[in-house]
PDB file of N, CA and C in Angstrom:
ATOM      1  N   MET A   1     128.362 158.616 146.744  1.00  0.00           N
ATOM      2  CA  MET A   1     129.309 159.368 146.115  1.00  0.00           C
ATOM      3  C   MET A   1     130.027 158.328 145.189  1.00  0.00           C
ATOM      4  N   PHE A   2     130.548 159.063 144.144  1.00  0.00           N
ATOM      5  CA  PHE A   2     131.125 158.288 143.073  1.00  0.00           C
ATOM      6  C   PHE A   2     132.602 158.638 142.629  1.00  0.00           C
ATOM      7  N   VAL A   3     133.268 157.583 142.336  1.00  0.00           N
ATOM      8  CA  VAL A   3     134.541 157.920 141.816  1.00  0.00           C
ATOM      9  C   VAL A   3     134.561 157.629 140.282  1.00  0.00           C
ATOM     10  N   LEU A   4     134.831 158.694 139.529  1.00  0.00           N
ATOM     11  CA  LEU A   4     134.637 158.551 138.145  1.00  0.00           C
ATOM     12  C   LEU A   4     136.273 158.376 137.442  1.00  0.00           C
ATOM     13  N   GLU A   5     136.497 157.580 136.970  1.00  0.00           N
ATOM     14  CA  GLU A   5     137.847 157.256 136.613  1.00  0.00           C
ATOM     15  C   GLU A   5     137.831 157.489 135.013  1.00  0.00           C
ATOM     16  N   LEU A   6     138.769 158.309 134.513  1.00  0.00           N
ATOM     17  CA  LEU A   6     138.784 158.381 132.928  1.00  0.00           C
ATOM     18  C   LEU A   6     140.033 157.759 132.462  1.00  0.00           C
ATOM     19  N   THR A   7     140.001 156.860 131.548  1.00  0.00           N
ATOM     20  CA  THR A   7     141.065 156.392 130.938  1.00  0.00           C
ATOM     21  C   THR A   7     140.947 156.825 129.408  1.00  0.00           C
ATOM     22  N   TYR A   8     142.249 157.548 129.059  1.00  0.00           N
ATOM     23  CA  TYR A   8     142.383 157.925 127.616  1.00  0.00           C
ATOM     24  C   TYR A   8     142.508 156.838 126.648  1.00  0.00           C
ATOM     25  N   ILE A   9     142.139 156.944 125.564  1.00  0.00           N
ATOM     26  CA  ILE A   9     141.938 155.973 124.599  1.00  0.00           C
ATOM     27  C   ILE A   9     142.472 156.598 123.245  1.00  0.00           C
ATOM     28  N   ALA A  10     142.900 157.651 123.286  1.00  0.00           N
ATOM     29  CA  ALA A  10     143.466 158.502 122.193  1.00  0.00           C
ATOM     30  C   ALA A  10     144.814 158.979 122.318  1.00  0.00           C
ATOM     31  N   PRO A  11     145.518 159.452 121.276  1.00  0.00           N
ATOM     32  CA  PRO A  11     146.852 160.121 121.477  1.00  0.00           C
ATOM     33  C   PRO A  11     146.533 161.343 122.343  1.00  0.00           C
ATOM     34  N   ILE A  12     147.737 161.818 123.080  1.00  0.00           N
ATOM     35  CA  ILE A  12     147.661 163.035 123.783  1.00  0.00           C
ATOM     36  C   ILE A  12     147.255 164.186 123.332  1.00  0.00           C
ATOM     37  N   GLU A  13     147.718 164.291 121.880  1.00  0.00           N
ATOM     38  CA  GLU A  13     147.344 165.592 121.135  1.00  0.00           C
ATOM     39  C   GLU A  13     145.701 165.585 121.014  1.00  0.00           C
ATOM     40  N   ARG A  14     145.129 164.561 120.866  1.00  0.00           N
ATOM     41  CA  ARG A  14     143.756 164.770 120.730  1.00  0.00           C
ATOM     42  C   ARG A  14     142.990 165.059 122.107  1.00  0.00           C
ATOM     43  N   ILE A  15     143.519 164.408 123.003  1.00  0.00           N
ATOM     44  CA  ILE A  15     143.223 164.837 124.471  1.00  0.00           C
ATOM     45  C   ILE A  15     143.423 166.416 124.810  1.00  0.00           C
ATOM     46  N   ASP A  16     144.689 166.818 124.487  1.00  0.00           N
ATOM     47  CA  ASP A  16     144.772 168.289 124.648  1.00  0.00           C
ATOM     48  C   ASP A  16     144.077 169.022 123.686  1.00  0.00           C
ATOM     49  N   ALA A  17     143.547 168.661 122.725  1.00  0.00           N
ATOM     50  CA  ALA A  17     142.662 169.462 121.759  1.00  0.00           C
ATOM     51  C   ALA A  17     141.266 169.459 122.262  1.00  0.00           C
ATOM     52  N   ALA A  18     140.745 168.563 122.987  1.00  0.00           N
ATOM     53  CA  ALA A  18     139.584 168.556 123.786  1.00  0.00           C
ATOM     54  C   ALA A  18     139.498 169.127 124.974  1.00  0.00           C
ATOM     55  N   LEU A  19     140.638 169.456 125.618  1.00  0.00           N
ATOM     56  CA  LEU A  19     140.814 169.968 126.900  1.00  0.00           C
ATOM     57  C   LEU A  19     139.984 171.302 127.389  1.00  0.00           C
ATOM     58  N   PRO A  20     140.032 172.334 126.590  1.00  0.00           N
ATOM     59  CA  PRO A  20     139.324 173.425 126.982  1.00  0.00           C
ATOM     60  C   PRO A  20     137.859 173.203 127.175  1.00  0.00           C
ATOM     61  N   GLU A  21     137.366 172.441 126.342  1.00  0.00           N
ATOM     62  CA  GLU A  21     135.786 172.143 126.391  1.00  0.00           C
ATOM     63  C   GLU A  21     135.636 171.232 127.764  1.00  0.00           C
ATOM     64  N   HIS A  22     136.561 170.446 127.943  1.00  0.00           N
ATOM     65  CA  HIS A  22     136.617 169.363 128.989  1.00  0.00           C
ATOM     66  C   HIS A  22     136.559 170.324 130.360  1.00  0.00           C
ATOM     67  N   VAL A  23     137.463 171.164 130.135  1.00  0.00           N
ATOM     68  CA  VAL A  23     137.642 172.065 131.566  1.00  0.00           C
ATOM     69  C   VAL A  23     136.316 172.806 131.855  1.00  0.00           C
ATOM     70  N   ALA A  24     135.688 173.475 130.890  1.00  0.00           N
ATOM     71  CA  ALA A  24     134.595 174.168 130.947  1.00  0.00           C
ATOM     72  C   ALA A  24     133.446 173.175 131.577  1.00  0.00           C
ATOM     73  N   TRP A  25     133.356 171.895 130.989  1.00  0.00           N
ATOM     74  CA  TRP A  25     132.318 170.857 131.359  1.00  0.00           C
ATOM     75  C   TRP A  25     132.526 170.870 132.947  1.00  0.00           C
ATOM     76  N   LEU A  26     133.793 170.505 133.259  1.00  0.00           N
ATOM     77  CA  LEU A  26     134.041 170.302 134.750  1.00  0.00           C
ATOM     78  C   LEU A  26     133.631 171.455 135.501  1.00  0.00           C
ATOM     79  N   GLU A  27     133.979 172.840 135.144  1.00  0.00           N
ATOM     80  CA  GLU A  27     133.469 174.055 136.036  1.00  0.00           C
ATOM     81  C   GLU A  27     132.049 174.141 136.166  1.00  0.00           C
ATOM     82  N   ALA A  28     131.327 173.780 135.117  1.00  0.00           N
ATOM     83  CA  ALA A  28     129.840 173.750 135.092  1.00  0.00           C
ATOM     84  C   ALA A  28     129.162 172.499 136.206  1.00  0.00           C
ATOM     85  N   HIS A  29     129.988 171.611 136.291  1.00  0.00           N
ATOM     86  CA  HIS A  29     129.426 170.479 137.315  1.00  0.00           C
ATOM     87  C   HIS A  29     129.880 170.862 138.657  1.00  0.00           C
ATOM     88  N   TYR A  30     131.161 171.669 138.876  1.00  0.00           N
ATOM     89  CA  TYR A  30     131.489 172.157 140.218  1.00  0.00           C
ATOM     90  C   TYR A  30     130.519 173.161 140.590  1.00  0.00           C
ATOM     91  N   GLU A  31     130.117 174.045 139.536  1.00  0.00           N
ATOM     92  CA  GLU A  31     129.275 175.086 139.967  1.00  0.00           C
ATOM     93  C   GLU A  31     127.839 174.577 140.622  1.00  0.00           C
ATOM     94  N   THR A  32     127.337 173.243 140.088  1.00  0.00           N
ATOM     95  CA  THR A  32     126.165 172.602 140.454  1.00  0.00           C
ATOM     96  C   THR A  32     126.242 171.802 141.731  1.00  0.00           C
ATOM     97  N   GLY A  33     127.649 171.711 142.208  1.00  0.00           N
ATOM     98  CA  GLY A  33     127.915 170.978 143.358  1.00  0.00           C
ATOM     99  C   GLY A  33     127.945 169.439 143.206  1.00  0.00           C
ATOM    100  N   VAL A  34     127.949 169.037 141.802  1.00  0.00           N
ATOM    101  CA  VAL A  34     128.108 167.746 141.790  1.00  0.00           C
ATOM    102  C   VAL A  34     129.482 166.993 141.941  1.00  0.00           C
ATOM    103  N   PHE A  35     130.548 167.775 141.398  1.00  0.00           N
ATOM    104  CA  PHE A  35     131.903 167.399 141.454  1.00  0.00           C
ATOM    105  C   PHE A  35     132.588 168.272 142.490  1.00  0.00           C
ATOM    106  N   ILE A  36     133.396 167.500 143.441  1.00  0.00           N
ATOM    107  CA  ILE A  36     134.005 168.165 144.494  1.00  0.00           C
ATOM    108  C   ILE A  36     135.465 167.980 144.541  1.00  0.00           C
ATOM    109  N   ALA A  37     136.000 167.179 143.560  1.00  0.00           N
ATOM    110  CA  ALA A  37     137.564 167.105 143.252  1.00  0.00           C
ATOM    111  C   ALA A  37     137.883 166.459 141.939  1.00  0.00           C
ATOM    112  N   SER A  38     138.902 166.740 141.378  1.00  0.00           N
ATOM    113  CA  SER A  38     139.290 166.152 140.177  1.00  0.00           C
ATOM    114  C   SER A  38     140.700 166.372 139.797  1.00  0.00           C
ATOM    115  N   GLY A  39     141.187 165.670 138.917  1.00  0.00           N
ATOM    116  CA  GLY A  39     142.631 165.875 138.467  1.00  0.00           C
ATOM    117  C   GLY A  39     143.013 164.850 137.594  1.00  0.00           C
ATOM    118  N   ARG A  40     144.333 165.039 137.095  1.00  0.00           N
ATOM    119  CA  ARG A  40     144.941 164.152 136.163  1.00  0.00           C
ATOM    120  C   ARG A  40     145.659 162.824 136.995  1.00  0.00           C
ATOM    121  N   LYS A  41     145.595 161.656 136.382  1.00  0.00           N
ATOM    122  CA  LYS A  41     146.328 160.601 137.003  1.00  0.00           C
ATOM    123  C   LYS A  41     147.850 160.886 136.752  1.00  0.00           C
ATOM    124  N   VAL A  42     148.611 160.265 137.499  1.00  0.00           N
ATOM    125  CA  VAL A  42     150.135 160.221 137.408  1.00  0.00           C
ATOM    126  C   VAL A  42     150.643 158.746 137.184  1.00  0.00           C
ATOM    127  N   PRO A  43     150.853 158.378 135.925  1.00  0.00           N
ATOM    128  CA  PRO A  43     151.173 159.019 134.665  1.00  0.00           C
ATOM    129  C   PRO A  43     150.139 159.460 134.022  1.00  0.00           C
ATOM    130  N   ARG A  44     150.246 160.563 133.249  1.00  0.00           N
ATOM    131  CA  ARG A  44     149.062 161.081 132.370  1.00  0.00           C
ATOM    132  C   ARG A  44     148.359 160.160 131.426  1.00  0.00           C
ATOM    133  N   ASP A  45     147.630 159.258 131.839  1.00  0.00           N
ATOM    134  CA  ASP A  45     146.835 158.264 131.001  1.00  0.00           C
ATOM    135  C   ASP A  45     145.304 158.318 131.332  1.00  0.00           C
ATOM    136  N   GLY A  46     145.119 159.517 132.059  1.00  0.00           N
ATOM    137  CA  GLY A  46     143.671 159.634 132.424  1.00  0.00           C
ATOM    138  C   GLY A  46     143.431 160.557 133.564  1.00  0.00           C
ATOM    139  N   GLY A  47     142.121 160.560 134.231  1.00  0.00           N
ATOM    140  CA  GLY A  47     142.100 161.496 135.471  1.00  0.00           C
ATOM    141  C   GLY A  47     140.907 160.705 136.183  1.00  0.00           C
ATOM    142  N   VAL A  48     140.775 161.557 137.353  1.00  0.00           N
ATOM    143  CA  VAL A  48     139.699 160.988 138.369  1.00  0.00           C
ATOM    144  C   VAL A  48     138.970 162.161 138.836  1.00  0.00           C
ATOM    145  N   ILE A  49     137.677 161.805 139.013  1.00  0.00           N
ATOM    146  CA  ILE A  49     136.650 162.953 139.535  1.00  0.00           C
ATOM    147  C   ILE A  49     135.890 162.402 140.563  1.00  0.00           C
ATOM    148  N   LEU A  50     135.674 163.026 141.641  1.00  0.00           N
ATOM    149  CA  LEU A  50     134.882 162.647 142.910  1.00  0.00           C
ATOM    150  C   LEU A  50     133.647 163.454 142.531  1.00  0.00           C
ATOM    151  N   ALA A  51     132.399 162.601 142.613  1.00  0.00           N
ATOM    152  CA  ALA A  51     131.131 163.408 142.371  1.00  0.00           C
ATOM    153  C   ALA A  51     130.173 162.888 143.480  1.00  0.00           C
ATOM    154  N   VAL A  52     129.089 163.684 143.837  1.00  0.00           N
ATOM    155  CA  VAL A  52     128.153 163.367 144.854  1.00  0.00           C
ATOM    156  C   VAL A  52     126.854 163.227 143.880  1.00  0.00           C
ATOM    157  N   GLY A  53     126.061 162.440 144.578  1.00  0.00           N
ATOM    158  CA  GLY A  53     124.743 162.268 144.065  1.00  0.00           C
ATOM    159  C   GLY A  53     124.032 160.944 144.380  1.00  0.00           C
ATOM    160  N   GLU A  54     122.950 160.762 144.521  1.00  0.00           N
ATOM    161  CA  GLU A  54     122.135 159.637 144.768  1.00  0.00           C
ATOM    162  C   GLU A  54     121.739 158.677 143.651  1.00  0.00           C
ATOM    163  N   ASP A  55     121.892 159.350 142.452  1.00  0.00           N
ATOM    164  CA  ASP A  55     121.383 158.736 141.315  1.00  0.00           C
ATOM    165  C   ASP A  55     122.536 158.255 140.352  1.00  0.00           C
ATOM    166  N   ARG A  56     122.841 157.035 140.177  1.00  0.00           N
ATOM    167  CA  ARG A  56     123.823 156.527 139.410  1.00  0.00           C
ATOM    168  C   ARG A  56     123.488 156.970 137.951  1.00  0.00           C
ATOM    169  N   ALA A  57     122.103 156.739 137.630  1.00  0.00           N
ATOM    170  CA  ALA A  57     121.955 157.108 136.109  1.00  0.00           C
ATOM    171  C   ALA A  57     122.043 158.548 135.861  1.00  0.00           C
ATOM    172  N   LYS A  58     121.931 159.517 136.687  1.00  0.00           N
ATOM    173  CA  LYS A  58     122.246 160.831 136.370  1.00  0.00           C
ATOM    174  C   LYS A  58     123.911 160.950 136.199  1.00  0.00           C
ATOM    175  N   ILE A  59     124.583 160.358 137.196  1.00  0.00           N
ATOM    176  CA  ILE A  59     126.030 160.370 137.062  1.00  0.00           C
ATOM    177  C   ILE A  59     126.569 159.861 135.714  1.00  0.00           C
ATOM    178  N   GLU A  60     126.042 158.676 135.318  1.00  0.00           N
ATOM    179  CA  GLU A  60     126.323 158.075 133.810  1.00  0.00           C
ATOM    180  C   GLU A  60     125.977 159.092 132.763  1.00  0.00           C
ATOM    181  N   GLU A  61     124.733 159.669 132.869  1.00  0.00           N
ATOM    182  CA  GLU A  61     124.453 160.684 131.881  1.00  0.00           C
ATOM    183  C   GLU A  61     125.348 161.848 131.847  1.00  0.00           C
ATOM    184  N   ILE A  62     125.927 162.362 132.813  1.00  0.00           N
ATOM    185  CA  ILE A  62     126.910 163.600 132.996  1.00  0.00           C
ATOM    186  C   ILE A  62     128.190 163.022 132.573  1.00  0.00           C
ATOM    187  N   THR A  63     128.528 161.714 132.628  1.00  0.00           N
ATOM    188  CA  THR A  63     129.884 161.297 132.014  1.00  0.00           C
ATOM    189  C   THR A  63     129.765 161.211 130.425  1.00  0.00           C
ATOM    190  N   ARG A  64     128.491 160.971 129.976  1.00  0.00           N
ATOM    191  CA  ARG A  64     128.291 160.867 128.700  1.00  0.00           C
ATOM    192  C   ARG A  64     128.248 162.282 127.920  1.00  0.00           C
ATOM    193  N   SER A  65     128.064 163.309 128.726  1.00  0.00           N
ATOM    194  CA  SER A  65     128.189 164.449 128.220  1.00  0.00           C
ATOM    195  C   SER A  65     129.625 165.119 128.175  1.00  0.00           C
ATOM    196  N   ASP A  66     130.442 164.431 128.775  1.00  0.00           N
ATOM    197  CA  ASP A  66     131.803 165.032 128.715  1.00  0.00           C
ATOM    198  C   ASP A  66     132.473 165.110 127.495  1.00  0.00           C
ATOM    199  N   PRO A  67     132.908 166.223 126.975  1.00  0.00           N
ATOM    200  CA  PRO A  67     133.592 166.577 125.599  1.00  0.00           C
ATOM    201  C   PRO A  67     134.609 165.447 125.409  1.00  0.00           C
ATOM    202  N   PHE A  68     135.207 164.902 126.276  1.00  0.00           N
ATOM    203  CA  PHE A  68     136.171 163.716 125.898  1.00  0.00           C
ATOM    204  C   PHE A  68     135.526 162.482 125.583  1.00  0.00           C
ATOM    205  N   THR A  69     134.337 162.171 126.138  1.00  0.00           N
ATOM    206  CA  THR A  69     133.536 161.012 125.721  1.00  0.00           C
ATOM    207  C   THR A  69     132.911 161.380 124.395  1.00  0.00           C
ATOM    208  N   VAL A  70     132.258 162.607 124.150  1.00  0.00           N
ATOM    209  CA  VAL A  70     131.827 162.940 122.967  1.00  0.00           C
ATOM    210  C   VAL A  70     132.710 162.814 121.818  1.00  0.00           C
ATOM    211  N   ALA A  71     134.043 163.291 122.032  1.00  0.00           N
ATOM    212  CA  ALA A  71     135.203 163.341 121.112  1.00  0.00           C
ATOM    213  C   ALA A  71     135.615 161.860 120.840  1.00  0.00           C
ATOM    214  N   GLY A  72     135.321 160.922 121.779  1.00  0.00           N
ATOM    215  CA  GLY A  72     135.875 159.525 121.718  1.00  0.00           C
ATOM    216  C   GLY A  72     137.449 159.369 122.143  1.00  0.00           C
ATOM    217  N   VAL A  73     137.706 160.124 123.001  1.00  0.00           N
ATOM    218  CA  VAL A  73     139.026 160.192 123.444  1.00  0.00           C
ATOM    219  C   VAL A  73     139.368 159.690 125.004  1.00  0.00           C
ATOM    220  N   ALA A  74     138.174 159.324 125.646  1.00  0.00           N
ATOM    221  CA  ALA A  74     138.259 158.604 126.952  1.00  0.00           C
ATOM    222  C   ALA A  74     137.174 157.936 127.240  1.00  0.00           C
ATOM    223  N   GLU A  75     137.443 156.886 128.055  1.00  0.00           N
ATOM    224  CA  GLU A  75     136.217 156.029 128.703  1.00  0.00           C
ATOM    225  C   GLU A  75     136.221 156.375 130.000  1.00  0.00           C
ATOM    226  N   TYR A  76     134.967 155.917 130.738  1.00  0.00           N
ATOM    227  CA  TYR A  76     134.642 156.139 132.161  1.00  0.00           C
ATOM    228  C   TYR A  76     134.581 154.786 132.697  1.00  0.00           C
ATOM    229  N   THR A  77     135.065 154.766 134.034  1.00  0.00           N
ATOM    230  CA  THR A  77     134.658 153.602 135.033  1.00  0.00           C
ATOM    231  C   THR A  77     134.149 154.486 136.106  1.00  0.00           C
ATOM    232  N   ILE A  78     132.841 153.846 136.570  1.00  0.00           N
ATOM    233  CA  ILE A  78     132.108 154.724 137.742  1.00  0.00           C
ATOM    234  C   ILE A  78     132.168 153.554 138.840  1.00  0.00           C
ATOM    235  N   THR A  79     132.582 154.080 140.036  1.00  0.00           N
ATOM    236  CA  THR A  79     132.408 153.327 141.190  1.00  0.00           C
ATOM    237  C   THR A  79     131.941 154.138 142.070  1.00  0.00           C
ATOM    238  N   GLU A  80     130.695 153.471 142.813  1.00  0.00           N
ATOM    239  CA  GLU A  80     129.883 154.067 143.700  1.00  0.00           C
ATOM    240  C   GLU A  80     130.351 153.555 145.082  1.00  0.00           C
ATOM    241  N   PHE A  81     130.320 154.457 146.081  1.00  0.00           N
ATOM    242  CA  PHE A  81     130.755 153.904 147.503  1.00  0.00           C
ATOM    243  C   PHE A  81     130.053 154.988 148.449  1.00  0.00           C
ATOM    244  N   ILE A  82     130.042 154.495 149.586  1.00  0.00           N
ATOM    245  CA  ILE A  82     129.386 155.206 150.663  1.00  0.00           C
ATOM    246  C   ILE A  82     130.499 155.678 151.586  1.00  0.00           C
ATOM    247  N   PRO A  83     130.548 157.045 151.663  1.00  0.00           N
ATOM    248  CA  PRO A  83     131.749 157.579 152.437  1.00  0.00           C
ATOM    249  C   PRO A  83     131.304 157.629 153.904  1.00  0.00           C
ATOM    250  N   THR A  84     131.677 156.504 154.815  1.00  0.00           N
ATOM    251  CA  THR A  84     131.305 156.493 156.080  1.00  0.00           C
ATOM    252  C   THR A  84     132.212 157.118 157.054  1.00  0.00           C
ATOM    253  N   LYS A  85     133.489 157.412 156.472  1.00  0.00           N
ATOM    254  CA  LYS A  85     134.548 157.921 157.322  1.00  0.00           C
ATOM    255  C   LYS A  85     135.217 159.097 156.340  1.00  0.00           C
ATOM    256  N   THR A  86     135.433 160.348 156.919  1.00  0.00           N
ATOM    257  CA  THR A  86     135.880 161.293 156.153  1.00  0.00           C
ATOM    258  C   THR A  86     136.795 162.238 157.121  1.00  0.00           C
ATOM    259  N   SER A  87     137.395 163.082 156.395  1.00  0.00           N
ATOM    260  CA  SER A  87     137.986 164.140 157.088  1.00  0.00           C
ATOM    261  C   SER A  87     137.043 165.101 157.607  1.00  0.00           C
ATOM    262  N   LYS A  88     137.375 166.278 158.476  1.00  0.00           N
ATOM    263  CA  LYS A  88     136.637 167.024 158.669  1.00  0.00           C
ATOM    264  C   LYS A  88     136.163 168.008 157.511  1.00  0.00           C
ATOM    265  N   ALA A  89     137.032 168.244 156.682  1.00  0.00           N
ATOM    266  CA  ALA A  89     136.736 169.113 155.441  1.00  0.00           C
ATOM    267  C   ALA A  89     135.617 168.221 154.591  1.00  0.00           C
ATOM    268  N   MET A  90     135.622 167.108 154.739  1.00  0.00           N
ATOM    269  CA  MET A  90     134.683 166.307 153.963  1.00  0.00           C
ATOM    270  C   MET A  90     133.494 165.999 154.590  1.00  0.00           C
ATOM    271  N   GLU A  91     133.307 166.341 155.859  1.00  0.00           N
ATOM    272  CA  GLU A  91     132.278 165.945 156.726  1.00  0.00           C
ATOM    273  C   GLU A  91     130.751 166.142 156.171  1.00  0.00           C
ATOM    274  N   PRO A  92     130.504 167.063 155.297  1.00  0.00           N
ATOM    275  CA  PRO A  92     129.207 167.213 154.834  1.00  0.00           C
ATOM    276  C   PRO A  92     128.821 166.021 153.783  1.00  0.00           C
ATOM    277  N   TYR A  93     129.804 165.435 153.261  1.00  0.00           N
ATOM    278  CA  TYR A  93     129.680 164.126 152.471  1.00  0.00           C
ATOM    279  C   TYR A  93     129.506 162.791 153.095  1.00  0.00           C
ATOM    280  N   ARG A  94     129.727 162.883 154.499  1.00  0.00           N
ATOM    281  CA  ARG A  94     129.704 161.699 155.296  1.00  0.00           C
ATOM    282  C   ARG A  94     128.379 160.990 155.255  1.00  0.00           C
ATOM    283  N   GLN A  95     128.263 159.578 155.192  1.00  0.00           N
ATOM    284  CA  GLN A  95     126.895 159.069 154.961  1.00  0.00           C
ATOM    285  C   GLN A  95     126.923 157.867 156.139  1.00  0.00           C
ATOM    286  N   GLU A  96     125.795 157.371 156.358  1.00  0.00           N
ATOM    287  CA  GLU A  96     125.518 156.277 157.195  1.00  0.00           C
ATOM    288  C   GLU A  96     125.143 155.155 156.479  1.00  0.00           C
ATOM    289  N   LEU A  97     125.696 153.974 156.901  1.00  0.00           N
ATOM    290  CA  LEU A  97     125.215 152.758 156.020  1.00  0.00           C
ATOM    291  C   LEU A  97     123.786 152.504 156.043  1.00  0.00           C
ATOM    292  N   PRO A  98     123.048 151.926 155.237  1.00  0.00           N
ATOM    293  CA  PRO A  98     121.779 151.570 155.178  1.00  0.00           C
ATOM    294  C   PRO A  98     121.490 150.597 156.100  1.00  0.00           C
ATOM    295  N   SER A  99     120.291 150.642 156.894  1.00  0.00           N
ATOM    296  CA  SER A  99     119.928 149.726 157.959  1.00  0.00           C
ATOM    297  C   SER A  99     119.605 148.354 157.252  1.00  0.00           C
TER     298      SER A  99
END
């Protein structure tokens, strides 16, 4: 699983201008099952996406295709982790530590 943290690097007006394309991009990745949660940070200086996948390179490729990245208005930090403990709702994403 991956935590994708976006940090805005442009004025909020430029973020808002790219927002409709970013939301469509989010929806496309929800439909494929890669994204499982997302939202704005508080204060509004970026956002967070929870993503599932086993290939970090693929996740990096996805973040490079974000309209926010393409427009140069946000940067990503990607943190990979192994969700060994989850709520019942997140049980399908629970993993075992490698032996």
